[in-house]
Amino acid sequence: MTKVVDQQLLSELKVRANHIRQEIVKMVTEAQSGHPGGSLSAADILTVLYFHVMNVDPENPRMPDRDRFVLSKGHASPVLYATLAEKGYLPKEELATFRKINSRLQGHPSYKSLPGVDMSTGSLGQGLSAANGMALAAKLDKKPFRVYALLGDGEVQEGMIWEAAMAAGHYKLDNLTAFLDYNGLQIDGEVDQIMNPAPLDEKFRAFNWHVLVIDGHDLEQIIGAIEEAKATKGKPTMIIANTVKGKGVSFMENQCGWHGSAPNREQCEQALKELLGGME
């Protein structure tokens, strides 16, 4: 699955991911609200999608044949907003308005208010169904675009996910690629202790999905998995990405308390110092 990827590309993506992580920390701190843990864990996946894979154009955010992205775990909106800002959909200065009154950057993404957002999300379990609809529409209309979705591991405890999984397999949606951000933690603790969804690879295969398991912070593995998904015919692909909640910030890593807590100013400074140090 893993293929040799140009080292300059990997270096550029690593820098992008680091910028996105810095912005996540800053915007959640400024708002004193938000979900940093699951945003930091997904930063590498969104970086590869938006800066290497997806056919999107910030200057024409609604172009009909653009690839679509659905952030099914909508509470991780900081990673989407930071990625869109890094890509040029909005000024980075606007990130400071996150979760403030009249801001376009509310706690959950809104399709109507922010160009670059393809689906309003937040109610867990619904994003995969929306992605199914987009992928099925593309097939019916004979459009070339692909659909990508990002799910949370706590989110797959929702029953609607499995109805969507069954439908995607039934309709052979090979233009749909879903990522499962498998950091193992949800707001109340360890996922497998609250409602164990494992073995997820076997369950998705049973619904006629092509399933891959990767390190969700290894950019080369992410790229290879997406290329394999694009080459897979007759079934959708689920990429189970093993990740670390709070990735990149030592005191946030693997701590479920940072699922929905904001750092104070001192913690923010420490986090940014660590992230900047990671680029040396």
Protein backbone atom coordinates (compact mmCIF):
# COMPACT_ATOMS: atom_id res chain seq x y z
CA MET A 1 0.00 0.00 0.00
CA THR A 2 2.77 2.46 0.92
CA LYS A 3 4.60 3.85 -2.09
CA VAL A 4 7.63 6.03 -2.43
CA VAL A 5 6.53 9.66 -2.33
CA ASP A 6 8.62 12.65 -3.28
CA GLN A 7 10.46 13.86 -0.18
CA GLN A 8 9.97 17.52 -1.06
CA LEU A 9 6.22 16.95 -1.21
CA LEU A 10 6.29 15.24 2.17
CA SER A 11 8.29 18.12 3.65
CA GLU A 12 5.83 20.66 2.27
CA LEU A 13 2.86 18.72 3.63
CA LYS A 14 4.54 18.42 7.03
CA VAL A 15 4.93 22.20 7.17
CA ARG A 16 1.28 22.67 6.19
CA ALA A 17 0.10 20.26 8.86
CA ASN A 18 2.17 22.07 11.45
CA HIS A 19 0.71 25.43 10.45
CA ILE A 20 -2.78 23.95 10.73
CA ARG A 21 -2.05 22.59 14.20
CA GLN A 22 -0.77 25.99 15.34
CA GLU A 23 -3.94 27.67 14.12
CA ILE A 24 -6.12 25.05 15.86
CA VAL A 25 -4.44 25.78 19.18
CA LYS A 26 -4.64 29.55 18.71
CA MET A 27 -8.31 29.66 17.68
CA VAL A 28 -9.52 27.38 20.45
CA THR A 29 -7.54 29.39 22.97
CA GLU A 30 -8.95 32.67 21.67
CA ALA A 31 -12.51 31.32 21.85
CA GLN A 32 -11.91 29.52 25.14
CA SER A 33 -14.14 26.89 23.61
CA GLY A 34 -13.90 24.12 21.03
CA HIS A 35 -12.46 20.67 20.45
CA PRO A 36 -8.67 20.63 20.07
CA GLY A 37 -7.94 16.94 20.70
CA GLY A 38 -9.81 15.44 17.76
CA SER A 39 -8.83 18.36 15.56
CA LEU A 40 -5.12 17.84 16.13
CA SER A 41 -5.47 14.10 15.51
CA ALA A 42 -7.03 14.70 12.07
CA ALA A 43 -4.68 17.44 10.84
CA ASP A 44 -2.43 15.19 8.76
CA ILE A 45 -5.39 13.61 6.96
CA LEU A 46 -6.92 16.94 5.98
CA THR A 47 -3.52 18.27 4.96
CA VAL A 48 -3.03 15.45 2.45
CA LEU A 49 -6.57 15.78 1.14
CA TYR A 50 -6.54 19.56 0.61
CA PHE A 51 -2.90 20.01 -0.44
CA HIS A 52 -2.26 16.93 -2.51
CA VAL A 53 -5.41 14.99 -3.41
CA MET A 54 -8.63 16.93 -3.80
CA ASN A 55 -9.61 18.87 -6.89
CA VAL A 56 -10.73 22.10 -5.21
CA ASP A 57 -10.26 25.79 -5.94
CA PRO A 58 -10.60 28.47 -3.24
CA GLU A 59 -11.28 31.01 -6.00
CA ASN A 60 -14.23 28.93 -7.21
CA PRO A 61 -15.42 27.10 -4.11
CA ARG A 62 -18.72 25.90 -5.62
CA MET A 63 -17.39 24.64 -8.95
CA PRO A 64 -19.65 21.72 -9.93
CA ASP A 65 -16.99 19.07 -10.45
CA ARG A 66 -14.96 19.78 -7.33
CA ASP A 67 -14.20 16.92 -5.01
CA ARG A 68 -16.33 17.00 -1.87
CA PHE A 69 -15.32 16.69 1.78
CA VAL A 70 -17.69 15.97 4.66
CA LEU A 71 -16.45 16.46 8.22
CA SER A 72 -18.87 14.02 9.80
CA LYS A 73 -17.48 14.67 13.29
CA GLY A 74 -18.45 18.31 12.97
CA HIS A 75 -17.29 19.26 16.46
CA ALA A 76 -13.72 19.01 15.09
CA SER A 77 -14.44 22.15 13.06
CA PRO A 78 -11.15 23.84 14.08
CA VAL A 79 -9.19 21.47 11.86
CA LEU A 80 -11.48 22.18 8.90
CA TYR A 81 -11.42 25.96 9.40
CA ALA A 82 -7.64 26.01 9.86
CA THR A 83 -7.20 23.88 6.73
CA LEU A 84 -9.51 26.08 4.67
CA ALA A 85 -7.63 29.16 5.86
CA GLU A 86 -4.27 27.57 5.01
CA LYS A 87 -5.69 26.76 1.56
CA GLY A 88 -6.89 30.32 1.01
CA TYR A 89 -10.66 30.06 1.41
CA LEU A 90 -10.66 32.70 4.15
CA PRO A 91 -8.16 35.05 5.78
CA LYS A 92 -6.22 33.49 8.63
CA GLU A 93 -7.10 36.54 10.73
CA GLU A 94 -10.74 35.42 10.59
CA LEU A 95 -9.89 32.31 12.60
CA ALA A 96 -9.80 34.57 15.66
CA THR A 97 -13.59 34.94 15.34
CA PHE A 98 -14.16 31.21 15.93
CA ARG A 99 -17.33 30.58 17.96
CA LYS A 100 -18.05 34.31 18.36
CA ILE A 101 -21.39 35.97 17.64
CA ASN A 102 -22.02 36.61 13.93
CA SER A 103 -18.86 34.76 12.93
CA ARG A 104 -18.94 32.42 9.92
CA LEU A 105 -16.88 30.02 12.01
CA GLN A 106 -19.35 28.55 14.44
CA GLY A 107 -18.77 25.48 16.59
CA HIS A 108 -20.00 23.23 13.79
CA PRO A 109 -19.45 23.87 10.07
CA SER A 110 -22.25 25.52 8.11
CA TYR A 111 -22.61 25.01 4.37
CA LYS A 112 -24.60 28.20 3.99
CA SER A 113 -22.19 30.55 5.70
CA LEU A 114 -18.71 29.48 4.65
CA PRO A 115 -17.47 28.71 1.11
CA GLY A 116 -15.44 25.52 1.12
CA VAL A 117 -17.79 23.71 3.49
CA ASP A 118 -19.66 21.07 1.48
CA MET A 119 -22.02 19.91 4.21
CA SER A 120 -23.34 21.28 7.50
CA THR A 121 -22.45 18.74 10.17
CA GLY A 122 -22.47 18.30 13.89
CA SER A 123 -25.12 15.75 14.75
CA LEU A 124 -22.96 12.66 14.94
CA GLY A 125 -23.66 9.81 12.56
CA GLN A 126 -25.19 11.84 9.75
CA GLY A 127 -22.13 12.80 7.71
CA LEU A 128 -21.59 9.43 6.09
CA SER A 129 -25.16 9.39 4.81
CA ALA A 130 -24.65 12.85 3.31
CA ALA A 131 -21.42 11.69 1.69
CA ASN A 132 -23.28 8.68 0.30
CA GLY A 133 -25.81 10.99 -1.31
CA MET A 134 -23.10 13.09 -2.94
CA ALA A 135 -21.28 10.01 -4.24
CA LEU A 136 -24.48 8.44 -5.57
CA ALA A 137 -25.45 11.71 -7.25
CA ALA A 138 -22.06 11.84 -8.96
CA LYS A 139 -22.61 8.37 -10.36
CA LEU A 140 -26.15 9.08 -11.53
CA ASP A 141 -25.05 12.33 -13.19
CA LYS A 142 -21.88 10.72 -14.55
CA LYS A 143 -19.71 13.33 -12.83
CA PRO A 144 -16.02 12.72 -12.20
CA PHE A 145 -15.71 14.09 -8.68
CA ARG A 146 -14.89 12.00 -5.65
CA VAL A 147 -16.26 12.31 -2.12
CA TYR A 148 -14.21 12.13 1.06
CA ALA A 149 -15.57 11.89 4.60
CA LEU A 150 -13.97 11.93 8.02
CA LEU A 151 -15.61 10.03 10.88
CA GLY A 152 -14.74 9.89 14.56
CA ASP A 153 -14.21 6.60 16.34
CA GLY A 154 -16.75 7.50 19.01
CA GLU A 155 -19.09 8.48 16.20
CA VAL A 156 -19.23 4.95 14.80
CA GLN A 157 -21.17 3.97 17.92
CA GLU A 158 -24.12 5.66 16.21
CA GLY A 159 -26.55 3.29 14.50
CA MET A 160 -27.00 5.57 11.51
CA ILE A 161 -23.37 4.98 10.55
CA TRP A 162 -24.13 1.33 9.92
CA GLU A 163 -27.20 2.05 7.81
CA ALA A 164 -25.00 4.35 5.73
CA ALA A 165 -22.25 1.73 5.55
CA MET A 166 -24.76 -0.82 4.29
CA ALA A 167 -26.09 1.59 1.65
CA ALA A 168 -22.64 2.59 0.40
CA GLY A 169 -21.70 -1.04 -0.09
CA HIS A 170 -25.03 -1.85 -1.70
CA TYR A 171 -24.71 0.94 -4.25
CA LYS A 172 -21.03 0.13 -4.90
CA LEU A 173 -19.92 3.70 -4.24
CA ASP A 174 -16.31 3.35 -5.33
CA ASN A 175 -16.08 7.13 -5.66
CA LEU A 176 -16.44 7.42 -1.87
CA THR A 177 -13.48 7.27 0.51
CA ALA A 178 -14.05 7.57 4.24
CA PHE A 179 -11.46 8.06 6.93
CA LEU A 180 -12.00 6.87 10.48
CA ASP A 181 -9.96 9.02 12.87
CA TYR A 182 -9.20 6.23 15.33
CA ASN A 183 -7.58 7.99 18.30
CA GLY A 184 -9.28 5.69 20.79
CA LEU A 185 -10.75 8.43 22.99
CA GLN A 186 -14.08 10.20 23.21
CA ILE A 187 -15.36 12.85 25.56
CA ASP A 188 -16.15 10.43 28.38
CA GLY A 189 -13.11 8.19 28.13
CA GLU A 190 -11.75 5.30 26.10
CA VAL A 191 -13.91 4.32 23.15
CA ASP A 192 -13.59 0.58 23.75
CA GLN A 193 -14.65 0.98 27.37
CA ILE A 194 -17.76 3.07 26.63
CA MET A 195 -19.16 1.11 23.68
CA ASN A 196 -16.57 -1.01 21.93
CA PRO A 197 -17.07 -0.84 18.14
CA ALA A 198 -14.22 -3.26 17.31
CA PRO A 199 -13.40 -5.07 15.10
CA LEU A 200 -14.17 -2.23 12.73
CA ASP A 201 -12.19 -3.56 9.79
CA GLU A 202 -14.21 -6.79 9.76
CA LYS A 203 -17.50 -4.93 10.16
CA PHE A 204 -16.93 -2.60 7.24
CA ARG A 205 -15.72 -5.50 5.09
CA ALA A 206 -18.95 -7.31 5.95
CA PHE A 207 -20.80 -4.33 4.43
CA ASN A 208 -18.80 -4.73 1.21
CA TRP A 209 -16.23 -2.00 1.82
CA HIS A 210 -12.56 -2.10 0.86
CA VAL A 211 -10.77 -1.51 4.17
CA LEU A 212 -7.27 -0.26 4.87
CA VAL A 213 -5.58 0.28 8.24
CA ILE A 214 -2.82 2.88 8.41
CA ASP A 215 -0.85 5.18 10.69
CA GLY A 216 -2.92 8.36 10.40
CA HIS A 217 0.11 10.58 11.02
CA ASP A 218 2.30 8.99 8.36
CA LEU A 219 1.81 11.24 5.35
CA GLU A 220 3.22 8.66 2.97
CA GLN A 221 0.78 6.03 4.22
CA ILE A 222 -2.14 8.43 3.90
CA ILE A 223 -1.21 9.21 0.30
CA GLY A 224 -0.76 5.54 -0.54
CA ALA A 225 -4.10 4.59 0.99
CA ILE A 226 -5.95 7.26 -0.98
CA GLU A 227 -4.34 6.14 -4.22
CA GLU A 228 -5.35 2.54 -3.47
CA ALA A 229 -8.90 3.72 -2.75
CA LYS A 230 -9.05 5.55 -6.07
CA ALA A 231 -7.93 2.39 -7.86
CA THR A 232 -10.52 0.20 -6.12
CA LYS A 233 -13.57 -0.55 -8.24
CA GLY A 234 -17.05 -1.66 -7.18
CA LYS A 235 -16.91 -0.79 -3.51
CA PRO A 236 -16.27 2.20 -1.22
CA THR A 237 -13.08 2.41 0.82
CA MET A 238 -12.78 2.88 4.56
CA ILE A 239 -9.34 3.99 5.73
CA ILE A 240 -8.99 3.28 9.44
CA ALA A 241 -6.36 5.76 10.51
CA ASN A 242 -4.73 5.06 13.85
CA THR A 243 -4.08 8.47 15.36
CA VAL A 244 -3.17 10.20 18.61
CA LYS A 245 -5.68 12.56 20.18
CA GLY A 246 -4.00 15.93 20.68
CA LYS A 247 -1.17 14.97 18.31
CA GLY A 248 1.76 17.39 18.42
CA VAL A 249 1.13 18.90 21.86
CA SER A 250 2.70 16.80 24.62
CA PHE A 251 0.24 17.60 27.41
CA MET A 252 -2.77 17.00 25.15
CA GLU A 253 -1.67 13.72 23.60
CA ASN A 254 -3.82 10.71 24.56
CA GLN A 255 -5.79 12.76 27.09
CA CYS A 256 -9.57 12.55 26.70
CA GLY A 257 -9.88 15.70 28.84
CA TRP A 258 -8.72 17.68 25.81
CA HIS A 259 -11.63 16.43 23.72
CA GLY A 260 -13.57 19.61 24.38
CA SER A 261 -11.41 21.83 26.57
CA ALA A 262 -9.56 25.00 25.64
CA PRO A 263 -6.00 25.73 26.78
CA ASN A 264 -5.26 28.85 28.80
CA ARG A 265 -2.74 31.40 27.54
CA GLU A 266 0.24 29.72 29.19
CA GLN A 267 -0.75 26.33 27.83
CA CYS A 268 -1.24 27.88 24.40
CA GLU A 269 2.25 29.35 24.46
CA GLN A 270 3.70 26.00 25.49
CA ALA A 271 1.79 24.21 22.74
CA LEU A 272 2.95 26.66 20.08
CA LYS A 273 6.51 26.41 21.33
CA GLU A 274 6.37 22.62 20.97
CA LEU A 275 4.84 22.81 17.51
CA LEU A 276 7.39 25.36 16.34
CA GLY A 277 10.12 23.18 17.78
CA GLY A 278 8.82 20.29 15.73
CA MET A 279 9.73 22.16 12.57
CA GLU A 280 13.40 22.57 13.50
